[in-house]
C-alpha atoms as a PDB file:
ATOM      1  CA  MET A   1     -23.121   3.723  11.789  1.00  0.00           C
ATOM      2  CA  MET A   2     -22.762   0.219  10.383  1.00  0.00           C
ATOM      3  CA  LYS A   3     -25.955   0.575   8.493  1.00  0.00           C
ATOM      4  CA  HIS A   4     -24.436   3.641   6.816  1.00  0.00           C
ATOM      5  CA  VAL A   5     -21.203   1.842   5.937  1.00  0.00           C
ATOM      6  CA  PHE A   6     -22.844  -1.118   4.334  1.00  0.00           C
ATOM      7  CA  ALA A   7     -25.197   1.265   2.479  1.00  0.00           C
ATOM      8  CA  VAL A   8     -22.056   2.737   0.940  1.00  0.00           C
ATOM      9  CA  LEU A   9     -20.647  -0.673   0.172  1.00  0.00           C
ATOM     10  CA  ALA A  10     -23.978  -1.608  -1.605  1.00  0.00           C
ATOM     11  CA  CYS A  11     -23.725   1.440  -3.744  1.00  0.00           C
ATOM     12  CA  LEU A  12     -20.188   0.652  -4.679  1.00  0.00           C
ATOM     13  CA  LEU A  13     -20.962  -2.829  -5.634  1.00  0.00           C
ATOM     14  CA  LEU A  14     -23.375  -1.414  -8.236  1.00  0.00           C
ATOM     15  CA  SER A  15     -20.735   1.041  -9.662  1.00  0.00           C
ATOM     16  CA  PRO A  16     -19.084   0.015 -12.889  1.00  0.00           C
ATOM     17  CA  LEU A  17     -15.947   1.847 -11.860  1.00  0.00           C
ATOM     18  CA  CYS A  18     -15.538  -0.060  -8.474  1.00  0.00           C
ATOM     19  CA  TRP A  19     -16.020  -3.694  -9.508  1.00  0.00           C
ATOM     20  CA  ALA A  20     -13.466  -4.976  -7.023  1.00  0.00           C
ATOM     21  CA  GLN A  21     -15.384  -4.031  -3.957  1.00  0.00           C
ATOM     22  CA  PRO A  22     -15.124  -7.597  -2.433  1.00  0.00           C
ATOM     23  CA  HIS A  23     -18.060  -9.600  -1.412  1.00  0.00           C
ATOM     24  CA  GLU A  24     -16.134 -10.088   1.834  1.00  0.00           C
ATOM     25  CA  THR A  25     -16.513  -6.577   3.216  1.00  0.00           C
ATOM     26  CA  ILE A  26     -14.495  -7.017   6.409  1.00  0.00           C
ATOM     27  CA  ALA A  27     -11.632  -9.274   7.480  1.00  0.00           C
ATOM     28  CA  PRO A  28     -12.761 -12.319   9.491  1.00  0.00           C
ATOM     29  CA  THR A  29     -12.108 -12.737  13.156  1.00  0.00           C
ATOM     30  CA  GLY A  30      -8.620 -14.118  13.720  1.00  0.00           C
ATOM     31  CA  PHE A  31      -7.140 -12.791  10.444  1.00  0.00           C
ATOM     32  CA  ASP A  32      -4.279 -11.116  12.431  1.00  0.00           C
ATOM     33  CA  VAL A  33      -3.680 -13.925  14.990  1.00  0.00           C
ATOM     34  CA  ILE A  34      -0.840 -16.444  14.580  1.00  0.00           C
ATOM     35  CA  GLN A  35      -2.265 -19.711  13.573  1.00  0.00           C
ATOM     36  CA  PRO A  36      -0.680 -23.051  14.510  1.00  0.00           C
ATOM     37  CA  GLY A  37       0.543 -25.567  12.013  1.00  0.00           C
ATOM     38  CA  ILE A  38       1.045 -23.254   9.056  1.00  0.00           C
ATOM     39  CA  ALA A  39       4.110 -22.144   7.137  1.00  0.00           C
ATOM     40  CA  HIS A  40       5.652 -18.779   7.941  1.00  0.00           C
ATOM     41  CA  GLY A  41       7.526 -16.176   5.936  1.00  0.00           C
ATOM     42  CA  ASN A  42      10.639 -14.419   7.119  1.00  0.00           C
ATOM     43  CA  ILE A  43      11.472 -10.808   8.001  1.00  0.00           C
ATOM     44  CA  ASP A  44      14.983  -9.545   7.031  1.00  0.00           C
ATOM     45  CA  THR A  45      16.546  -6.275   8.065  1.00  0.00           C
ATOM     46  CA  VAL A  46      18.560  -4.811   5.158  1.00  0.00           C
ATOM     47  CA  THR A  47      20.844  -1.795   4.767  1.00  0.00           C
ATOM     48  CA  TYR A  48      21.309   0.017   1.578  1.00  0.00           C
ATOM     49  CA  TYR A  49      23.286   3.184   0.567  1.00  0.00           C
ATOM     50  CA  SER A  50      21.075   6.019  -0.382  1.00  0.00           C
ATOM     51  CA  LYS A  51      22.787   8.537  -2.822  1.00  0.00           C
ATOM     52  CA  THR A  52      19.693  10.627  -2.384  1.00  0.00           C
ATOM     53  CA  VAL A  53      20.329  11.117   1.382  1.00  0.00           C
ATOM     54  CA  GLY A  54      24.010  10.487   1.437  1.00  0.00           C
ATOM     55  CA  THR A  55      23.951   7.743   4.140  1.00  0.00           C
ATOM     56  CA  ARG A  56      23.061   4.175   4.733  1.00  0.00           C
ATOM     57  CA  ARG A  57      19.395   3.485   5.381  1.00  0.00           C
ATOM     58  CA  LYS A  58      17.457   0.452   6.757  1.00  0.00           C
ATOM     59  CA  ALA A  59      14.461  -1.387   5.523  1.00  0.00           C
ATOM     60  CA  LEU A  60      12.564  -4.522   6.500  1.00  0.00           C
ATOM     61  CA  VAL A  61      11.814  -7.258   3.918  1.00  0.00           C
ATOM     62  CA  TYR A  62       9.173  -9.907   4.298  1.00  0.00           C
ATOM     63  CA  THR A  63       9.733 -12.994   2.112  1.00  0.00           C
ATOM     64  CA  PRO A  64       6.677 -15.461   1.813  1.00  0.00           C
ATOM     65  CA  PRO A  65       6.555 -19.041   3.059  1.00  0.00           C
ATOM     66  CA  GLY A  66       8.481 -21.267   0.706  1.00  0.00           C
ATOM     67  CA  PHE A  67      10.537 -18.456  -0.639  1.00  0.00           C
ATOM     68  CA  SER A  68      13.209 -19.610  -3.106  1.00  0.00           C
ATOM     69  CA  LYS A  69      16.021 -17.849  -4.706  1.00  0.00           C
ATOM     70  CA  LYS A  70      15.373 -19.895  -7.726  1.00  0.00           C
ATOM     71  CA  GLU A  71      11.947 -18.281  -8.298  1.00  0.00           C
ATOM     72  CA  LYS A  72      11.109 -14.723  -9.210  1.00  0.00           C
ATOM     73  CA  TYR A  73       8.522 -12.599  -7.163  1.00  0.00           C
ATOM     74  CA  PRO A  74       6.587  -9.405  -7.606  1.00  0.00           C
ATOM     75  CA  VAL A  75       7.158  -6.653  -4.913  1.00  0.00           C
ATOM     76  CA  LEU A  76       4.920  -4.664  -2.708  1.00  0.00           C
ATOM     77  CA  TYR A  77       6.440  -1.516  -1.167  1.00  0.00           C
ATOM     78  CA  LEU A  78       4.422  -0.859   2.035  1.00  0.00           C
ATOM     79  CA  LEU A  79       4.716   2.537   3.618  1.00  0.00           C
ATOM     80  CA  HIS A  80       4.185   3.841   7.197  1.00  0.00           C
ATOM     81  CA  GLY A  81       2.564   7.005   8.616  1.00  0.00           C
ATOM     82  CA  ILE A  82       4.117  10.278   9.734  1.00  0.00           C
ATOM     83  CA  GLY A  83       4.710   9.122  13.314  1.00  0.00           C
ATOM     84  CA  GLY A  84       6.358   5.837  12.199  1.00  0.00           C
ATOM     85  CA  ASP A  85       9.417   4.300  10.584  1.00  0.00           C
ATOM     86  CA  GLU A  86      10.308   0.982   8.926  1.00  0.00           C
ATOM     87  CA  TYR A  87       9.110  -0.864  12.117  1.00  0.00           C
ATOM     88  CA  GLU A  88       5.631   0.718  12.436  1.00  0.00           C
ATOM     89  CA  TRP A  89       3.802  -1.832  10.343  1.00  0.00           C
ATOM     90  CA  LEU A  90       5.661  -4.713  12.101  1.00  0.00           C
ATOM     91  CA  GLN A  91       4.991  -3.489  15.612  1.00  0.00           C
ATOM     92  CA  ASN A  92       1.385  -2.418  15.112  1.00  0.00           C
ATOM     93  CA  GLY A  93       0.011  -4.016  11.913  1.00  0.00           C
ATOM     94  CA  LYS A  94       1.189  -7.609  12.026  1.00  0.00           C
ATOM     95  CA  PRO A  95       1.684  -7.755   8.247  1.00  0.00           C
ATOM     96  CA  GLN A  96       3.642 -10.944   8.530  1.00  0.00           C
ATOM     97  CA  VAL A  97       0.907 -12.672  10.434  1.00  0.00           C
ATOM     98  CA  ILE A  98      -1.859 -11.436   8.081  1.00  0.00           C
ATOM     99  CA  LEU A  99       0.079 -12.575   5.082  1.00  0.00           C
ATOM    100  CA  ASP A 100       1.030 -15.926   6.523  1.00  0.00           C
ATOM    101  CA  ASN A 101      -2.553 -16.652   7.254  1.00  0.00           C
ATOM    102  CA  LEU A 102      -3.663 -15.701   3.810  1.00  0.00           C
ATOM    103  CA  TYR A 103      -0.944 -17.877   2.225  1.00  0.00           C
ATOM    104  CA  ALA A 104      -2.181 -20.822   4.285  1.00  0.00           C
ATOM    105  CA  LYS A 105      -5.524 -20.385   2.718  1.00  0.00           C
ATOM    106  CA  GLY A 106      -4.132 -20.036  -0.779  1.00  0.00           C
ATOM    107  CA  LYS A 107      -5.453 -16.472  -1.190  1.00  0.00           C
ATOM    108  CA  LEU A 108      -2.293 -14.684  -2.188  1.00  0.00           C
ATOM    109  CA  GLU A 109       0.104 -14.607  -5.064  1.00  0.00           C
ATOM    110  CA  PRO A 110       3.601 -15.124  -3.611  1.00  0.00           C
ATOM    111  CA  MET A 111       5.235 -11.717  -3.256  1.00  0.00           C
ATOM    112  CA  VAL A 112       8.065  -9.869  -1.449  1.00  0.00           C
ATOM    113  CA  VAL A 113       7.015  -7.070   0.748  1.00  0.00           C
ATOM    114  CA  VAL A 114       9.388  -4.183   1.473  1.00  0.00           C
ATOM    115  CA  LEU A 115       8.854  -1.967   4.559  1.00  0.00           C
ATOM    116  CA  PRO A 116      11.023   1.067   4.121  1.00  0.00           C
ATOM    117  CA  ASN A 117      11.692   4.293   6.159  1.00  0.00           C
ATOM    118  CA  GLY A 118       9.692   6.827   4.214  1.00  0.00           C
ATOM    119  CA  ARG A 119      11.365   9.774   5.960  1.00  0.00           C
ATOM    120  CA  ALA A 120      14.337  10.306   3.681  1.00  0.00           C
ATOM    121  CA  MET A 121      16.828  12.356   5.725  1.00  0.00           C
ATOM    122  CA  LYS A 122      20.043  11.515   7.584  1.00  0.00           C
ATOM    123  CA  ASP A 123      18.332  11.349  10.986  1.00  0.00           C
ATOM    124  CA  ASP A 124      15.214   9.474   9.902  1.00  0.00           C
ATOM    125  CA  ARG A 125      14.081   8.463  13.393  1.00  0.00           C
ATOM    126  CA  ALA A 126      10.382   9.107  14.440  1.00  0.00           C
ATOM    127  CA  VAL A 127      11.432  11.330  17.281  1.00  0.00           C
ATOM    128  CA  GLY A 128      10.689  14.879  18.313  1.00  0.00           C
ATOM    129  CA  ASN A 129       8.231  17.025  16.357  1.00  0.00           C
ATOM    130  CA  VAL A 130       7.329  14.658  13.550  1.00  0.00           C
ATOM    131  CA  PHE A 131       5.252  17.528  11.879  1.00  0.00           C
ATOM    132  CA  ASP A 132       8.430  19.692  11.546  1.00  0.00           C
ATOM    133  CA  SER A 133       8.582  21.044   7.938  1.00  0.00           C
ATOM    134  CA  VAL A 134      11.978  19.597   7.307  1.00  0.00           C
ATOM    135  CA  LYS A 135      10.801  16.085   8.367  1.00  0.00           C
ATOM    136  CA  VAL A 136       7.636  16.510   6.381  1.00  0.00           C
ATOM    137  CA  GLN A 137       9.716  17.462   3.293  1.00  0.00           C
ATOM    138  CA  ALA A 138      11.676  14.296   3.818  1.00  0.00           C
ATOM    139  CA  PHE A 139       8.552  12.286   3.061  1.00  0.00           C
ATOM    140  CA  ALA A 140       8.439  13.941  -0.361  1.00  0.00           C
ATOM    141  CA  THR A 141      12.196  13.394  -0.827  1.00  0.00           C
ATOM    142  CA  PHE A 142      11.626   9.624  -0.325  1.00  0.00           C
ATOM    143  CA  GLU A 143      10.278   9.431  -3.829  1.00  0.00           C
ATOM    144  CA  ARG A 144      13.770   9.783  -5.303  1.00  0.00           C
ATOM    145  CA  ASP A 145      15.261   7.602  -2.604  1.00  0.00           C
ATOM    146  CA  LEU A 146      12.664   4.871  -3.446  1.00  0.00           C
ATOM    147  CA  LEU A 147      13.134   4.976  -7.253  1.00  0.00           C
ATOM    148  CA  LYS A 148      16.879   5.670  -7.425  1.00  0.00           C
ATOM    149  CA  ASP A 149      18.263   3.759  -4.441  1.00  0.00           C
ATOM    150  CA  LEU A 150      15.903   1.268  -2.743  1.00  0.00           C
ATOM    151  CA  ILE A 151      14.229  -0.379  -5.733  1.00  0.00           C
ATOM    152  CA  PRO A 152      17.631  -0.954  -7.432  1.00  0.00           C
ATOM    153  CA  PHE A 153      18.988  -2.407  -4.179  1.00  0.00           C
ATOM    154  CA  ILE A 154      16.032  -4.808  -3.805  1.00  0.00           C
ATOM    155  CA  GLN A 155      16.347  -5.851  -7.357  1.00  0.00           C
ATOM    156  CA  LYS A 156      20.025  -6.710  -6.804  1.00  0.00           C
ATOM    157  CA  ARG A 157      19.471  -8.497  -3.436  1.00  0.00           C
ATOM    158  CA  TYR A 158      16.323 -10.416  -4.033  1.00  0.00           C
ATOM    159  CA  PRO A 159      14.971 -12.530  -7.008  1.00  0.00           C
ATOM    160  CA  VAL A 160      12.310 -10.106  -7.967  1.00  0.00           C
ATOM    161  CA  TYR A 161      10.811  -9.012 -11.261  1.00  0.00           C
ATOM    162  CA  LYS A 162      11.932  -5.556 -12.507  1.00  0.00           C
ATOM    163  CA  ASP A 163       8.928  -4.580 -14.617  1.00  0.00           C
ATOM    164  CA  ARG A 164       6.110  -2.331 -13.540  1.00  0.00           C
ATOM    165  CA  GLU A 165       3.511  -5.074 -13.838  1.00  0.00           C
ATOM    166  CA  HIS A 166       5.110  -6.806 -10.922  1.00  0.00           C
ATOM    167  CA  ARG A 167       5.556  -3.791  -8.621  1.00  0.00           C
ATOM    168  CA  ALA A 168       3.042  -2.401  -6.171  1.00  0.00           C
ATOM    169  CA  ILE A 169       3.024   0.503  -3.744  1.00  0.00           C
ATOM    170  CA  ALA A 170       0.616   1.127  -0.802  1.00  0.00           C
ATOM    171  CA  GLY A 171       0.732   2.880   2.488  1.00  0.00           C
ATOM    172  CA  LEU A 172      -1.206   4.290   5.389  1.00  0.00           C
ATOM    173  CA  SER A 173      -1.923   8.008   6.237  1.00  0.00           C
ATOM    174  CA  MET A 174       1.146   9.907   5.312  1.00  0.00           C
ATOM    175  CA  GLY A 175       2.342   6.758   3.532  1.00  0.00           C
ATOM    176  CA  GLY A 176      -1.013   6.493   1.731  1.00  0.00           C
ATOM    177  CA  GLY A 177      -0.437  10.016   0.361  1.00  0.00           C
ATOM    178  CA  GLN A 178       3.146   9.009  -0.686  1.00  0.00           C
ATOM    179  CA  ALA A 179       1.790   5.832  -2.344  1.00  0.00           C
ATOM    180  CA  LEU A 180      -0.804   7.707  -4.353  1.00  0.00           C
ATOM    181  CA  ASN A 181       1.681  10.539  -5.252  1.00  0.00           C
ATOM    182  CA  PHE A 182       4.542   8.243  -6.183  1.00  0.00           C
ATOM    183  CA  GLY A 183       2.597   5.468  -7.750  1.00  0.00           C
ATOM    184  CA  LEU A 184       0.246   7.668  -9.841  1.00  0.00           C
ATOM    185  CA  GLY A 185       3.159   9.990 -10.671  1.00  0.00           C
ATOM    186  CA  ASN A 186       5.261   7.134 -11.962  1.00  0.00           C
ATOM    187  CA  LEU A 187       3.062   4.865 -13.935  1.00  0.00           C
ATOM    188  CA  ASP A 188       6.100   3.539 -15.745  1.00  0.00           C
ATOM    189  CA  LYS A 189       7.329   2.091 -12.402  1.00  0.00           C
ATOM    190  CA  PHE A 190       4.067   0.925 -10.623  1.00  0.00           C
ATOM    191  CA  ALA A 191       0.967  -0.812 -11.959  1.00  0.00           C
ATOM    192  CA  TRP A 192      -0.727  -1.453  -8.593  1.00  0.00           C
ATOM    193  CA  VAL A 193      -1.356   1.482  -6.255  1.00  0.00           C
ATOM    194  CA  GLY A 194      -3.094   1.684  -2.906  1.00  0.00           C
ATOM    195  CA  GLY A 195      -3.757   4.519  -0.468  1.00  0.00           C
ATOM    196  CA  PHE A 196      -5.138   3.692   3.068  1.00  0.00           C
ATOM    197  CA  SER A 197      -6.608   6.721   4.867  1.00  0.00           C
ATOM    198  CA  SER A 198      -4.405   9.075   2.826  1.00  0.00           C
ATOM    199  CA  ALA A 199      -3.266  12.175   4.615  1.00  0.00           C
ATOM    200  CA  PRO A 200      -3.191  15.861   3.434  1.00  0.00           C
ATOM    201  CA  ASN A 201       0.125  15.269   1.666  1.00  0.00           C
ATOM    202  CA  THR A 202      -1.985  13.596  -1.012  1.00  0.00           C
ATOM    203  CA  LYS A 203      -1.843  15.756  -4.159  1.00  0.00           C
ATOM    204  CA  ALA A 204      -5.010  17.223  -5.523  1.00  0.00           C
ATOM    205  CA  PRO A 205      -6.792  14.736  -7.860  1.00  0.00           C
ATOM    206  CA  GLU A 206      -6.109  16.699 -11.055  1.00  0.00           C
ATOM    207  CA  LYS A 207      -2.413  16.637 -10.257  1.00  0.00           C
ATOM    208  CA  LEU A 208      -2.489  12.972  -9.181  1.00  0.00           C
ATOM    209  CA  VAL A 209      -4.155  11.799 -12.435  1.00  0.00           C
ATOM    210  CA  PRO A 210      -3.739  14.565 -15.134  1.00  0.00           C
ATOM    211  CA  ASP A 211      -3.908  12.029 -17.970  1.00  0.00           C
ATOM    212  CA  GLN A 212      -7.014   9.908 -17.343  1.00  0.00           C
ATOM    213  CA  LYS A 213      -6.382   7.834 -20.448  1.00  0.00           C
ATOM    214  CA  LYS A 214      -2.894   6.854 -19.532  1.00  0.00           C
ATOM    215  CA  ALA A 215      -4.052   5.856 -16.035  1.00  0.00           C
ATOM    216  CA  LYS A 216      -6.764   3.658 -17.520  1.00  0.00           C
ATOM    217  CA  GLU A 217      -4.204   2.002 -19.800  1.00  0.00           C
ATOM    218  CA  LYS A 218      -1.416   1.584 -17.232  1.00  0.00           C
ATOM    219  CA  LEU A 219      -3.051   0.727 -13.885  1.00  0.00           C
ATOM    220  CA  LYS A 220      -3.795  -2.894 -12.956  1.00  0.00           C
ATOM    221  CA  LEU A 221      -5.413  -1.694  -9.716  1.00  0.00           C
ATOM    222  CA  LEU A 222      -5.958   1.582  -7.983  1.00  0.00           C
ATOM    223  CA  TRP A 223      -7.200   1.216  -4.411  1.00  0.00           C
ATOM    224  CA  ILE A 224      -8.516   3.959  -2.202  1.00  0.00           C
ATOM    225  CA  SER A 225      -9.856   3.213   1.272  1.00  0.00           C
ATOM    226  CA  CYS A 226     -10.729   5.006   4.540  1.00  0.00           C
ATOM    227  CA  GLY A 227     -12.633   4.450   7.803  1.00  0.00           C
ATOM    228  CA  ASP A 228     -15.987   6.027   7.936  1.00  0.00           C
ATOM    229  CA  GLU A 229     -15.190   7.845  11.168  1.00  0.00           C
ATOM    230  CA  ASP A 230     -11.763   9.165   9.919  1.00  0.00           C
ATOM    231  CA  ASN A 231     -11.447  12.962   9.860  1.00  0.00           C
ATOM    232  CA  LEU A 232      -9.216  12.645   6.894  1.00  0.00           C
ATOM    233  CA  MET A 233     -11.962  11.066   4.781  1.00  0.00           C
ATOM    234  CA  SER A 234     -12.257  14.165   2.603  1.00  0.00           C
ATOM    235  CA  PHE A 235      -8.822  13.398   0.902  1.00  0.00           C
ATOM    236  CA  SER A 236      -9.902   9.915  -0.101  1.00  0.00           C
ATOM    237  CA  LYS A 237     -13.393  11.028  -1.146  1.00  0.00           C
ATOM    238  CA  ARG A 238     -12.234  13.928  -3.350  1.00  0.00           C
ATOM    239  CA  THR A 239      -9.925  11.510  -5.141  1.00  0.00           C
ATOM    240  CA  HIS A 240     -12.680   8.965  -5.521  1.00  0.00           C
ATOM    241  CA  ASP A 241     -15.120  11.663  -6.855  1.00  0.00           C
ATOM    242  CA  TYR A 242     -12.536  12.773  -9.520  1.00  0.00           C
ATOM    243  CA  LEU A 243     -11.785   9.326 -10.614  1.00  0.00           C
ATOM    244  CA  ASP A 244     -15.504   8.493 -10.778  1.00  0.00           C
ATOM    245  CA  LYS A 245     -16.208  11.649 -12.779  1.00  0.00           C
ATOM    246  CA  HIS A 246     -13.407  10.770 -15.332  1.00  0.00           C
ATOM    247  CA  GLN A 247     -14.337   7.095 -15.403  1.00  0.00           C
ATOM    248  CA  VAL A 248     -10.941   5.816 -14.181  1.00  0.00           C
ATOM    249  CA  PRO A 249     -11.598   2.358 -12.727  1.00  0.00           C
ATOM    250  CA  HIS A 250     -10.677   1.989  -8.969  1.00  0.00           C
ATOM    251  CA  VAL A 251     -11.818   0.634  -5.668  1.00  0.00           C
ATOM    252  CA  PHE A 252     -13.270   3.061  -3.198  1.00  0.00           C
ATOM    253  CA  TYR A 253     -13.456   0.899  -0.043  1.00  0.00           C
ATOM    254  CA  VAL A 254     -15.261   2.524   2.982  1.00  0.00           C
ATOM    255  CA  GLU A 255     -15.050   0.532   6.191  1.00  0.00           C
ATOM    256  CA  PRO A 256     -15.999   0.870   9.804  1.00  0.00           C
ATOM    257  CA  GLY A 257     -13.434   2.778  12.031  1.00  0.00           C
ATOM    258  CA  GLY A 258     -11.228   5.805  12.407  1.00  0.00           C
ATOM    259  CA  HIS A 259      -7.523   6.546  11.702  1.00  0.00           C
ATOM    260  CA  ASP A 260      -5.907   3.580  13.237  1.00  0.00           C
ATOM    261  CA  PHE A 261      -4.342   0.159  12.685  1.00  0.00           C
ATOM    262  CA  GLU A 262      -7.647  -1.698  13.083  1.00  0.00           C
ATOM    263  CA  VAL A 263      -8.593  -0.078   9.779  1.00  0.00           C
ATOM    264  CA  TRP A 264      -5.193  -0.366   8.116  1.00  0.00           C
ATOM    265  CA  LYS A 265      -4.776  -4.135   8.992  1.00  0.00           C
ATOM    266  CA  ASN A 266      -8.138  -4.779   7.388  1.00  0.00           C
ATOM    267  CA  ASP A 267      -6.968  -2.711   4.338  1.00  0.00           C
ATOM    268  CA  LEU A 268      -3.924  -4.856   3.975  1.00  0.00           C
ATOM    269  CA  TYR A 269      -5.948  -8.087   4.235  1.00  0.00           C
ATOM    270  CA  MET A 270      -8.322  -6.859   1.588  1.00  0.00           C
ATOM    271  CA  LEU A 271      -5.827  -5.306  -0.899  1.00  0.00           C
ATOM    272  CA  SER A 272      -3.238  -8.065  -0.781  1.00  0.00           C
ATOM    273  CA  GLN A 273      -5.631 -10.567  -2.090  1.00  0.00           C
ATOM    274  CA  LEU A 274      -6.014  -8.498  -5.310  1.00  0.00           C
ATOM    275  CA  LEU A 275      -2.318  -7.854  -6.002  1.00  0.00           C
ATOM    276  CA  PHE A 276      -0.583  -9.469  -8.919  1.00  0.00           C
ATOM    277  CA  LYS A 277      -3.598 -11.510 -10.014  1.00  0.00           C
ATOM    278  CA  LYS A 278      -3.999 -12.208 -13.657  1.00  0.00           C
ATOM    279  CA  GLY A 279      -6.921 -10.994 -15.679  1.00  0.00           C
ATOM    280  CA  ASN A 280      -9.352  -8.207 -14.618  1.00  0.00           C
ATOM    281  CA  VAL A 281      -8.749  -7.961 -10.865  1.00  0.00           C
ATOM    282  CA  TYR A 282     -11.804  -5.582 -10.601  1.00  0.00           C
ATOM    283  CA  ARG A 283     -13.880  -8.751 -11.104  1.00  0.00           C
ATOM    284  CA  THR A 284     -11.852 -11.054  -8.863  1.00  0.00           C
ATOM    285  CA  PHE A 285     -14.448 -11.217  -6.024  1.00  0.00           C
END
């Protein structure tokens, strides 16, 4: 299996449309373990009023080590899966640990990371039948909540840039589909887009990227990744194939594993190092 994975990686390294496939093809041991003697970021819980839903909603916000209100920061909106909520990444993915460790090595651009609840409905808890059609629809409704309610709130509450070049969106599974749908569907809002093991809610490629010229001009980075043993690989692969056919630059990162946080933690480790870098990020590594 590993031989197959690295064969895929080798092919991608030779592809002119996938320049950013990093030389470091997997996160090193200990990347998600708290390291002694380094600076740490902070996690805040915030509450914002959602006109879209008609209620107050919660989100978590990670601010980097050395955060200062006198500085301005880009923002990554990091989305959870169908069975999770704003705490899923924190409880299972250790994003604060992964990012702290990368900051300690000087590998990241300072950024604010927002962990929202992507289920935009009044009872947005991850309880009962999470596949119920009403709850599934709430993940689509979150697009309006994100654009009209959450982003403006973050811009008022934190010293962040307000332009698209300093805004990224990424997510896992259902959140990966959301990230691709919302990011590629709103290129005036997002310049950096990433889908990890994107789920069946991902729109068909021709609907995701109907204007290939615009996508080439607007996107700073388009990242698509999936574990080689993931049953949802077809959704990532069809998007990659379409982008490759239409020569839209992107990363297609195939890694060992299935549909789980071992894969998604690795994705965050890899993707975060590309975000908000100057110049051609497809040649960063």
